[in-house]
Amino acid sequence: RGDLMQKACDGIDAGMMVVLGLADNDVEEICHDARESGK
């Protein structure tokens, strides 16, 4: 599983980021708006 995950992300500089102190819906809305702009 770990190998498959790593291969799926090879060459795309993927990552993860923790966000503290915001409500779920606020983070969801910010991510939605970012995807709408192509992110």
PDB file of all heavy atoms in Angstrom:
ATOM      1  N   ARG A   1       0.831  -1.206   0.000  1.00  0.00           N
ATOM      2  CA  ARG A   1       0.000   0.000   0.000  1.00  0.00           C
ATOM      3  C   ARG A   1       0.866   1.257   0.000  1.00  0.00           C
ATOM      4  O   ARG A   1       0.634   2.198  -0.764  1.00  0.00           O
ATOM      5  CB  ARG A   1      -0.918  -0.016   1.227  1.00  0.00           C
ATOM      6  CG  ARG A   1      -1.832   1.211   1.382  1.00  0.00           C
ATOM      7  CD  ARG A   1      -2.716   1.018   2.612  1.00  0.00           C
ATOM      8  NE  ARG A   1      -3.659   2.106   2.828  1.00  0.00           N
ATOM      9  CZ  ARG A   1      -3.446   3.125   3.648  1.00  0.00           C
ATOM     10  NH1 ARG A   1      -2.290   3.233   4.297  1.00  0.00           N
ATOM     11  NH2 ARG A   1      -4.375   4.055   3.818  1.00  0.00           N
ATOM     12  N   GLY A   2       1.877   1.280   0.866  1.00  0.00           N
ATOM     13  CA  GLY A   2       2.768   2.438   0.920  1.00  0.00           C
ATOM     14  C   GLY A   2       3.509   2.646  -0.383  1.00  0.00           C
ATOM     15  O   GLY A   2       3.699   3.787  -0.837  1.00  0.00           O
ATOM     16  N   ASP A   3       3.939   1.542  -1.008  1.00  0.00           N
ATOM     17  CA  ASP A   3       4.648   1.632  -2.291  1.00  0.00           C
ATOM     18  C   ASP A   3       3.717   2.169  -3.377  1.00  0.00           C
ATOM     19  O   ASP A   3       4.114   3.031  -4.175  1.00  0.00           O
ATOM     20  CB  ASP A   3       5.176   0.247  -2.664  1.00  0.00           C
ATOM     21  CG  ASP A   3       6.149   0.286  -3.832  1.00  0.00           C
ATOM     22  OD1 ASP A   3       7.014   1.194  -3.854  1.00  0.00           O
ATOM     23  OD2 ASP A   3       6.047  -0.566  -4.721  1.00  0.00           O
ATOM     24  N   LEU A   4       2.476   1.684  -3.399  1.00  0.00           N
ATOM     25  CA  LEU A   4       1.499   2.162  -4.392  1.00  0.00           C
ATOM     26  C   LEU A   4       1.196   3.649  -4.195  1.00  0.00           C
ATOM     27  O   LEU A   4       1.071   4.409  -5.163  1.00  0.00           O
ATOM     28  CB  LEU A   4       0.206   1.354  -4.287  1.00  0.00           C
ATOM     29  CG  LEU A   4       0.269  -0.109  -4.724  1.00  0.00           C
ATOM     30  CD1 LEU A   4      -1.015  -0.841  -4.339  1.00  0.00           C
ATOM     31  CD2 LEU A   4       0.512  -0.224  -6.226  1.00  0.00           C
ATOM     32  N   MET A   5       1.089   4.066  -2.960  1.00  0.00           N
ATOM     33  CA  MET A   5       0.826   5.471  -2.657  1.00  0.00           C
ATOM     34  C   MET A   5       1.981   6.353  -3.117  1.00  0.00           C
ATOM     35  O   MET A   5       1.780   7.419  -3.699  1.00  0.00           O
ATOM     36  CB  MET A   5       0.567   5.652  -1.161  1.00  0.00           C
ATOM     37  CG  MET A   5      -0.730   5.031  -0.678  1.00  0.00           C
ATOM     38  SD  MET A   5      -0.876   4.962   1.130  1.00  0.00           S
ATOM     39  CE  MET A   5      -0.994   6.702   1.542  1.00  0.00           C
ATOM     40  N   GLN A   6       3.200   5.881  -2.846  1.00  0.00           N
ATOM     41  CA  GLN A   6       4.369   6.662  -3.242  1.00  0.00           C
ATOM     42  C   GLN A   6       4.467   6.772  -4.760  1.00  0.00           C
ATOM     43  O   GLN A   6       4.728   7.850  -5.305  1.00  0.00           O
ATOM     44  CB  GLN A   6       5.638   6.027  -2.682  1.00  0.00           C
ATOM     45  CG  GLN A   6       6.891   6.875  -2.852  1.00  0.00           C
ATOM     46  CD  GLN A   6       6.825   8.166  -2.058  1.00  0.00           C
ATOM     47  OE1 GLN A   6       6.762   8.142  -0.836  1.00  0.00           O
ATOM     48  NE2 GLN A   6       6.825   9.304  -2.744  1.00  0.00           N
ATOM     49  N   LYS A   7       4.227   5.657  -5.443  1.00  0.00           N
ATOM     50  CA  LYS A   7       4.296   5.667  -6.907  1.00  0.00           C
ATOM     51  C   LYS A   7       3.223   6.568  -7.509  1.00  0.00           C
ATOM     52  O   LYS A   7       3.458   7.238  -8.519  1.00  0.00           O
ATOM     53  CB  LYS A   7       4.173   4.240  -7.449  1.00  0.00           C
ATOM     54  CG  LYS A   7       5.425   3.396  -7.227  1.00  0.00           C
ATOM     55  CD  LYS A   7       5.246   1.973  -7.714  1.00  0.00           C
ATOM     56  CE  LYS A   7       6.530   1.172  -7.508  1.00  0.00           C
ATOM     57  NZ  LYS A   7       6.341  -0.261  -7.870  1.00  0.00           N
ATOM     58  N   ALA A   8       2.045   6.598  -6.897  1.00  0.00           N
ATOM     59  CA  ALA A   8       0.964   7.449  -7.398  1.00  0.00           C
ATOM     60  C   ALA A   8       1.332   8.928  -7.325  1.00  0.00           C
ATOM     61  O   ALA A   8       0.834   9.741  -8.110  1.00  0.00           O
ATOM     62  CB  ALA A   8      -0.313   7.188  -6.598  1.00  0.00           C
ATOM     63  N   CYS A   9       2.219   9.257  -6.389  1.00  0.00           N
ATOM     64  CA  CYS A   9       2.602  10.660  -6.194  1.00  0.00           C
ATOM     65  C   CYS A   9       3.978  11.001  -6.775  1.00  0.00           C
ATOM     66  O   CYS A   9       4.433  12.144  -6.641  1.00  0.00           O
ATOM     67  CB  CYS A   9       2.581  11.000  -4.701  1.00  0.00           C
ATOM     68  SG  CYS A   9       0.930  10.995  -3.987  1.00  0.00           S
ATOM     69  N   ASP A  10       4.626  10.024  -7.399  1.00  0.00           N
ATOM     70  CA  ASP A  10       5.939  10.290  -7.995  1.00  0.00           C
ATOM     71  C   ASP A  10       5.830  11.376  -9.057  1.00  0.00           C
ATOM     72  O   ASP A  10       4.959  11.327  -9.927  1.00  0.00           O
ATOM     73  CB  ASP A  10       6.502   9.011  -8.628  1.00  0.00           C
ATOM     74  CG  ASP A  10       7.146   8.095  -7.604  1.00  0.00           C
ATOM     75  OD1 ASP A  10       7.304   8.520  -6.449  1.00  0.00           O
ATOM     76  OD2 ASP A  10       7.471   6.944  -7.959  1.00  0.00           O
ATOM     77  N   GLY A  11       6.698  12.350  -8.959  1.00  0.00           N
ATOM     78  CA  GLY A  11       6.790  13.380  -9.985  1.00  0.00           C
ATOM     79  C   GLY A  11       5.771  14.494  -9.878  1.00  0.00           C
ATOM     80  O   GLY A  11       5.730  15.377 -10.745  1.00  0.00           O
ATOM     81  N   ILE A  12       4.956  14.503  -8.810  1.00  0.00           N
ATOM     82  CA  ILE A  12       3.961  15.577  -8.711  1.00  0.00           C
ATOM     83  C   ILE A  12       4.132  16.426  -7.451  1.00  0.00           C
ATOM     84  O   ILE A  12       3.323  17.296  -7.185  1.00  0.00           O
ATOM     85  CB  ILE A  12       2.518  15.028  -8.788  1.00  0.00           C
ATOM     86  CG1 ILE A  12       2.250  14.018  -7.662  1.00  0.00           C
ATOM     87  CG2 ILE A  12       2.240  14.403 -10.137  1.00  0.00           C
ATOM     88  CD1 ILE A  12       0.791  13.572  -7.617  1.00  0.00           C
ATOM     89  N   ASP A  13       5.166  16.194  -6.685  1.00  0.00           N
ATOM     90  CA  ASP A  13       5.481  16.995  -5.495  1.00  0.00           C
ATOM     91  C   ASP A  13       4.245  17.167  -4.610  1.00  0.00           C
ATOM     92  O   ASP A  13       3.788  18.280  -4.339  1.00  0.00           O
ATOM     93  CB  ASP A  13       6.038  18.363  -5.901  1.00  0.00           C
ATOM     94  CG  ASP A  13       6.774  19.033  -4.727  1.00  0.00           C
ATOM     95  OD1 ASP A  13       7.220  18.309  -3.819  1.00  0.00           O
ATOM     96  OD2 ASP A  13       6.886  20.276  -4.729  1.00  0.00           O
ATOM     97  N   ALA A  14       3.710  16.034  -4.178  1.00  0.00           N
ATOM     98  CA  ALA A  14       2.508  16.032  -3.354  1.00  0.00           C
ATOM     99  C   ALA A  14       2.859  16.173  -1.883  1.00  0.00           C
ATOM    100  O   ALA A  14       4.005  15.935  -1.467  1.00  0.00           O
ATOM    101  CB  ALA A  14       1.728  14.743  -3.585  1.00  0.00           C
ATOM    102  N   GLY A  15       1.871  16.547  -1.091  1.00  0.00           N
ATOM    103  CA  GLY A  15       2.107  16.681   0.339  1.00  0.00           C
ATOM    104  C   GLY A  15       0.821  16.846   1.111  1.00  0.00           C
ATOM    105  O   GLY A  15      -0.281  16.755   0.566  1.00  0.00           O
ATOM    106  N   MET A  16       0.976  17.113   2.413  1.00  0.00           N
ATOM    107  CA  MET A  16      -0.169  17.293   3.295  1.00  0.00           C
ATOM    108  C   MET A  16       0.119  18.435   4.269  1.00  0.00           C
ATOM    109  O   MET A  16       1.280  18.699   4.597  1.00  0.00           O
ATOM    110  CB  MET A  16      -0.494  15.997   4.045  1.00  0.00           C
ATOM    111  CG  MET A  16      -0.740  14.820   3.109  1.00  0.00           C
ATOM    112  SD  MET A  16      -1.280  13.293   3.930  1.00  0.00           S
ATOM    113  CE  MET A  16      -2.990  13.681   4.282  1.00  0.00           C
ATOM    114  N   MET A  17      -0.931  19.080   4.735  1.00  0.00           N
ATOM    115  CA  MET A  17      -0.777  20.242   5.603  1.00  0.00           C
ATOM    116  C   MET A  17      -1.840  20.223   6.684  1.00  0.00           C
ATOM    117  O   MET A  17      -3.024  19.976   6.403  1.00  0.00           O
ATOM    118  CB  MET A  17      -0.885  21.522   4.766  1.00  0.00           C
ATOM    119  CG  MET A  17      -0.597  22.798   5.524  1.00  0.00           C
ATOM    120  SD  MET A  17      -0.300  24.191   4.375  1.00  0.00           S
ATOM    121  CE  MET A  17      -1.940  24.395   3.686  1.00  0.00           C
ATOM    122  N   VAL A  18      -1.434  20.435   7.934  1.00  0.00           N
ATOM    123  CA  VAL A  18      -2.378  20.461   9.041  1.00  0.00           C
ATOM    124  C   VAL A  18      -2.839  21.892   9.282  1.00  0.00           C
ATOM    125  O   VAL A  18      -2.053  22.843   9.178  1.00  0.00           O
ATOM    126  CB  VAL A  18      -1.764  19.853  10.321  1.00  0.00           C
ATOM    127  CG1 VAL A  18      -0.580  20.663  10.829  1.00  0.00           C
ATOM    128  CG2 VAL A  18      -2.816  19.692  11.405  1.00  0.00           C
ATOM    129  N   VAL A  19      -4.117  22.024   9.571  1.00  0.00           N
ATOM    130  CA  VAL A  19      -4.721  23.333   9.847  1.00  0.00           C
ATOM    131  C   VAL A  19      -5.379  23.265  11.218  1.00  0.00           C
ATOM    132  O   VAL A  19      -6.232  22.404  11.462  1.00  0.00           O
ATOM    133  CB  VAL A  19      -5.776  23.698   8.782  1.00  0.00           C
ATOM    134  CG1 VAL A  19      -6.363  25.084   9.077  1.00  0.00           C
ATOM    135  CG2 VAL A  19      -5.168  23.649   7.387  1.00  0.00           C
ATOM    136  N   LEU A  20      -4.991  24.167  12.113  1.00  0.00           N
ATOM    137  CA  LEU A  20      -5.535  24.200  13.460  1.00  0.00           C
ATOM    138  C   LEU A  20      -6.367  25.459  13.671  1.00  0.00           C
ATOM    139  O   LEU A  20      -6.005  26.546  13.221  1.00  0.00           O
ATOM    140  CB  LEU A  20      -4.404  24.164  14.497  1.00  0.00           C
ATOM    141  CG  LEU A  20      -3.427  22.995  14.435  1.00  0.00           C
ATOM    142  CD1 LEU A  20      -2.381  23.113  15.541  1.00  0.00           C
ATOM    143  CD2 LEU A  20      -4.152  21.664  14.530  1.00  0.00           C
ATOM    144  N   GLY A  21      -7.484  25.283  14.371  1.00  0.00           N
ATOM    145  CA  GLY A  21      -8.240  26.438  14.815  1.00  0.00           C
ATOM    146  C   GLY A  21      -9.370  26.890  13.925  1.00  0.00           C
ATOM    147  O   GLY A  21     -10.001  27.910  14.215  1.00  0.00           O
ATOM    148  N   LEU A  22      -9.660  26.173  12.851  1.00  0.00           N
ATOM    149  CA  LEU A  22     -10.772  26.537  11.974  1.00  0.00           C
ATOM    150  C   LEU A  22     -11.851  25.461  11.995  1.00  0.00           C
ATOM    151  O   LEU A  22     -11.555  24.277  12.192  1.00  0.00           O
ATOM    152  CB  LEU A  22     -10.297  26.726  10.529  1.00  0.00           C
ATOM    153  CG  LEU A  22      -9.448  27.961  10.215  1.00  0.00           C
ATOM    154  CD1 LEU A  22      -9.140  28.006   8.723  1.00  0.00           C
ATOM    155  CD2 LEU A  22     -10.137  29.241  10.657  1.00  0.00           C
ATOM    156  N   ALA A  23     -13.066  25.861  11.762  1.00  0.00           N
ATOM    157  CA  ALA A  23     -14.171  24.903  11.634  1.00  0.00           C
ATOM    158  C   ALA A  23     -14.033  24.131  10.328  1.00  0.00           C
ATOM    159  O   ALA A  23     -13.472  24.635   9.346  1.00  0.00           O
ATOM    160  CB  ALA A  23     -15.510  25.641  11.673  1.00  0.00           C
ATOM    161  N   ASP A  24     -14.551  22.910  10.322  1.00  0.00           N
ATOM    162  CA  ASP A  24     -14.450  22.054   9.134  1.00  0.00           C
ATOM    163  C   ASP A  24     -14.993  22.744   7.894  1.00  0.00           C
ATOM    164  O   ASP A  24     -14.376  22.709   6.824  1.00  0.00           O
ATOM    165  CB  ASP A  24     -15.218  20.749   9.350  1.00  0.00           C
ATOM    166  CG  ASP A  24     -14.632  19.876  10.450  1.00  0.00           C
ATOM    167  OD1 ASP A  24     -13.486  20.149  10.864  1.00  0.00           O
ATOM    168  OD2 ASP A  24     -15.314  18.933  10.875  1.00  0.00           O
ATOM    169  N   ASN A  25     -16.163  23.360   8.025  1.00  0.00           N
ATOM    170  CA  ASN A  25     -16.799  23.948   6.840  1.00  0.00           C
ATOM    171  C   ASN A  25     -16.005  25.119   6.277  1.00  0.00           C
ATOM    172  O   ASN A  25     -16.029  25.379   5.070  1.00  0.00           O
ATOM    173  CB  ASN A  25     -18.241  24.358   7.145  1.00  0.00           C
ATOM    174  CG  ASN A  25     -18.340  25.413   8.234  1.00  0.00           C
ATOM    175  OD1 ASN A  25     -17.645  25.334   9.239  1.00  0.00           O
ATOM    176  ND2 ASN A  25     -19.209  26.387   8.048  1.00  0.00           N
ATOM    177  N   ASP A  26     -15.267  25.818   7.153  1.00  0.00           N
ATOM    178  CA  ASP A  26     -14.416  26.911   6.666  1.00  0.00           C
ATOM    179  C   ASP A  26     -13.283  26.362   5.802  1.00  0.00           C
ATOM    180  O   ASP A  26     -12.983  26.907   4.729  1.00  0.00           O
ATOM    181  CB  ASP A  26     -13.841  27.710   7.833  1.00  0.00           C
ATOM    182  CG  ASP A  26     -14.898  28.522   8.563  1.00  0.00           C
ATOM    183  OD1 ASP A  26     -15.908  28.869   7.932  1.00  0.00           O
ATOM    184  OD2 ASP A  26     -14.712  28.788   9.763  1.00  0.00           O
ATOM    185  N   VAL A  27     -12.652  25.287   6.270  1.00  0.00           N
ATOM    186  CA  VAL A  27     -11.553  24.680   5.509  1.00  0.00           C
ATOM    187  C   VAL A  27     -12.089  24.077   4.216  1.00  0.00           C
ATOM    188  O   VAL A  27     -11.472  24.207   3.150  1.00  0.00           O
ATOM    189  CB  VAL A  27     -10.821  23.609   6.350  1.00  0.00           C
ATOM    190  CG1 VAL A  27      -9.673  22.994   5.540  1.00  0.00           C
ATOM    191  CG2 VAL A  27     -10.292  24.211   7.645  1.00  0.00           C
ATOM    192  N   GLU A  28     -13.232  23.417   4.297  1.00  0.00           N
ATOM    193  CA  GLU A  28     -13.846  22.830   3.096  1.00  0.00           C
ATOM    194  C   GLU A  28     -14.145  23.897   2.045  1.00  0.00           C
ATOM    195  O   GLU A  28     -13.887  23.693   0.850  1.00  0.00           O
ATOM    196  CB  GLU A  28     -15.135  22.105   3.488  1.00  0.00           C
ATOM    197  CG  GLU A  28     -14.913  20.832   4.279  1.00  0.00           C
ATOM    198  CD  GLU A  28     -16.173  20.320   4.962  1.00  0.00           C
ATOM    199  OE1 GLU A  28     -17.199  21.030   4.939  1.00  0.00           O
ATOM    200  OE2 GLU A  28     -16.119  19.215   5.534  1.00  0.00           O
ATOM    201  N   GLU A  29     -14.648  25.020   2.486  1.00  0.00           N
ATOM    202  CA  GLU A  29     -14.986  26.095   1.552  1.00  0.00           C
ATOM    203  C   GLU A  29     -13.732  26.684   0.901  1.00  0.00           C
ATOM    204  O   GLU A  29     -13.720  26.949  -0.313  1.00  0.00           O
ATOM    205  CB  GLU A  29     -15.763  27.194   2.280  1.00  0.00           C
ATOM    206  CG  GLU A  29     -16.251  28.301   1.356  1.00  0.00           C
ATOM    207  CD  GLU A  29     -17.109  29.326   2.082  1.00  0.00           C
ATOM    208  OE1 GLU A  29     -17.596  29.039   3.189  1.00  0.00           O
ATOM    209  OE2 GLU A  29     -17.278  30.426   1.521  1.00  0.00           O
ATOM    210  N   ILE A  30     -12.678  26.850   1.697  1.00  0.00           N
ATOM    211  CA  ILE A  30     -11.428  27.380   1.152  1.00  0.00           C
ATOM    212  C   ILE A  30     -10.836  26.414   0.123  1.00  0.00           C
ATOM    213  O   ILE A  30     -10.374  26.833  -0.948  1.00  0.00           O
ATOM    214  CB  ILE A  30     -10.426  27.664   2.299  1.00  0.00           C
ATOM    215  CG1 ILE A  30     -10.901  28.888   3.100  1.00  0.00           C
ATOM    216  CG2 ILE A  30      -9.015  27.890   1.750  1.00  0.00           C
ATOM    217  CD1 ILE A  30     -10.141  29.106   4.391  1.00  0.00           C
ATOM    218  N   CYS A  31     -10.881  25.118   0.422  1.00  0.00           N
ATOM    219  CA  CYS A  31     -10.368  24.120  -0.527  1.00  0.00           C
ATOM    220  C   CYS A  31     -11.236  24.090  -1.792  1.00  0.00           C
ATOM    221  O   CYS A  31     -10.710  23.976  -2.910  1.00  0.00           O
ATOM    222  CB  CYS A  31     -10.336  22.736   0.123  1.00  0.00           C
ATOM    223  SG  CYS A  31      -9.044  22.522   1.355  1.00  0.00           S
ATOM    224  N   HIS A  32     -12.532  24.180  -1.625  1.00  0.00           N
ATOM    225  CA  HIS A  32     -13.437  24.182  -2.780  1.00  0.00           C
ATOM    226  C   HIS A  32     -13.136  25.368  -3.691  1.00  0.00           C
ATOM    227  O   HIS A  32     -13.028  25.226  -4.917  1.00  0.00           O
ATOM    228  CB  HIS A  32     -14.887  24.232  -2.303  1.00  0.00           C
ATOM    229  CG  HIS A  32     -15.883  24.358  -3.412  1.00  0.00           C
ATOM    230  ND1 HIS A  32     -16.341  25.593  -3.876  1.00  0.00           N
ATOM    231  CD2 HIS A  32     -16.496  23.426  -4.187  1.00  0.00           C
ATOM    232  CE1 HIS A  32     -17.180  25.400  -4.867  1.00  0.00           C
ATOM    233  NE2 HIS A  32     -17.301  24.095  -5.077  1.00  0.00           N
ATOM    234  N   ASP A  33     -12.996  26.541  -3.102  1.00  0.00           N
ATOM    235  CA  ASP A  33     -12.706  27.733  -3.898  1.00  0.00           C
ATOM    236  C   ASP A  33     -11.362  27.601  -4.606  1.00  0.00           C
ATOM    237  O   ASP A  33     -11.216  28.026  -5.765  1.00  0.00           O
ATOM    238  CB  ASP A  33     -12.700  28.975  -3.005  1.00  0.00           C
ATOM    239  CG  ASP A  33     -14.097  29.333  -2.499  1.00  0.00           C
ATOM    240  OD1 ASP A  33     -15.079  28.789  -3.040  1.00  0.00           O
ATOM    241  OD2 ASP A  33     -14.185  30.144  -1.551  1.00  0.00           O
ATOM    242  N   ALA A  34     -10.389  26.991  -3.935  1.00  0.00           N
ATOM    243  CA  ALA A  34      -9.068  26.798  -4.543  1.00  0.00           C
ATOM    244  C   ALA A  34      -9.158  25.849  -5.735  1.00  0.00           C
ATOM    245  O   ALA A  34      -8.533  26.081  -6.780  1.00  0.00           O
ATOM    246  CB  ALA A  34      -8.085  26.265  -3.502  1.00  0.00           C
ATOM    247  N   ARG A  35      -9.943  24.769  -5.597  1.00  0.00           N
ATOM    248  CA  ARG A  35     -10.113  23.840  -6.720  1.00  0.00           C
ATOM    249  C   ARG A  35     -10.820  24.518  -7.887  1.00  0.00           C
ATOM    250  O   ARG A  35     -10.517  24.248  -9.050  1.00  0.00           O
ATOM    251  CB  ARG A  35     -10.884  22.586  -6.273  1.00  0.00           C
ATOM    252  CG  ARG A  35     -10.091  21.659  -5.376  1.00  0.00           C
ATOM    253  CD  ARG A  35     -10.726  20.279  -5.281  1.00  0.00           C
ATOM    254  NE  ARG A  35     -12.096  20.328  -4.784  1.00  0.00           N
ATOM    255  CZ  ARG A  35     -12.437  20.355  -3.504  1.00  0.00           C
ATOM    256  NH1 ARG A  35     -11.471  20.364  -2.575  1.00  0.00           N
ATOM    257  NH2 ARG A  35     -13.699  20.371  -3.140  1.00  0.00           N
ATOM    258  N   GLU A  36     -11.763  25.387  -7.584  1.00  0.00           N
ATOM    259  CA  GLU A  36     -12.464  26.124  -8.632  1.00  0.00           C
ATOM    260  C   GLU A  36     -11.505  26.988  -9.449  1.00  0.00           C
ATOM    261  O   GLU A  36     -11.743  27.256 -10.628  1.00  0.00           O
ATOM    262  CB  GLU A  36     -13.549  27.007  -8.013  1.00  0.00           C
ATOM    263  CG  GLU A  36     -14.740  26.243  -7.452  1.00  0.00           C
ATOM    264  CD  GLU A  36     -15.625  25.651  -8.534  1.00  0.00           C
ATOM    265  OE1 GLU A  36     -16.207  26.416  -9.317  1.00  0.00           O
ATOM    266  OE2 GLU A  36     -15.707  24.405  -8.607  1.00  0.00           O
ATOM    267  N   SER A  37     -10.418  27.416  -8.804  1.00  0.00           N
ATOM    268  CA  SER A  37      -9.427  28.239  -9.498  1.00  0.00           C
ATOM    269  C   SER A  37      -8.288  27.413 -10.089  1.00  0.00           C
ATOM    270  O   SER A  37      -7.276  27.960 -10.545  1.00  0.00           O
ATOM    271  CB  SER A  37      -8.856  29.296  -8.547  1.00  0.00           C
ATOM    272  OG  SER A  37      -8.074  28.687  -7.530  1.00  0.00           O
ATOM    273  N   GLY A  38      -8.442  26.057 -10.062  1.00  0.00           N
ATOM    274  CA  GLY A  38      -7.472  25.180 -10.710  1.00  0.00           C
ATOM    275  C   GLY A  38      -6.459  24.518  -9.804  1.00  0.00           C
ATOM    276  O   GLY A  38      -5.622  23.736 -10.274  1.00  0.00           O
ATOM    277  N   LYS A  39      -6.530  24.785  -8.503  1.00  0.00           N
ATOM    278  CA  LYS A  39      -5.574  24.175  -7.572  1.00  0.00           C
ATOM    279  C   LYS A  39      -6.043  22.781  -7.169  1.00  0.00           C
ATOM    280  O   LYS A  39      -7.247  22.476  -7.178  1.00  0.00           O
ATOM    281  CB  LYS A  39      -5.387  25.068  -6.344  1.00  0.00           C
ATOM    282  CG  LYS A  39      -4.649  26.362  -6.657  1.00  0.00           C
ATOM    283  CD  LYS A  39      -4.433  27.193  -5.414  1.00  0.00           C
ATOM    284  CE  LYS A  39      -3.486  28.361  -5.695  1.00  0.00           C
ATOM    285  NZ  LYS A  39      -3.913  29.202  -6.809  1.00  0.00           N
TER     286      LYS A  39
END
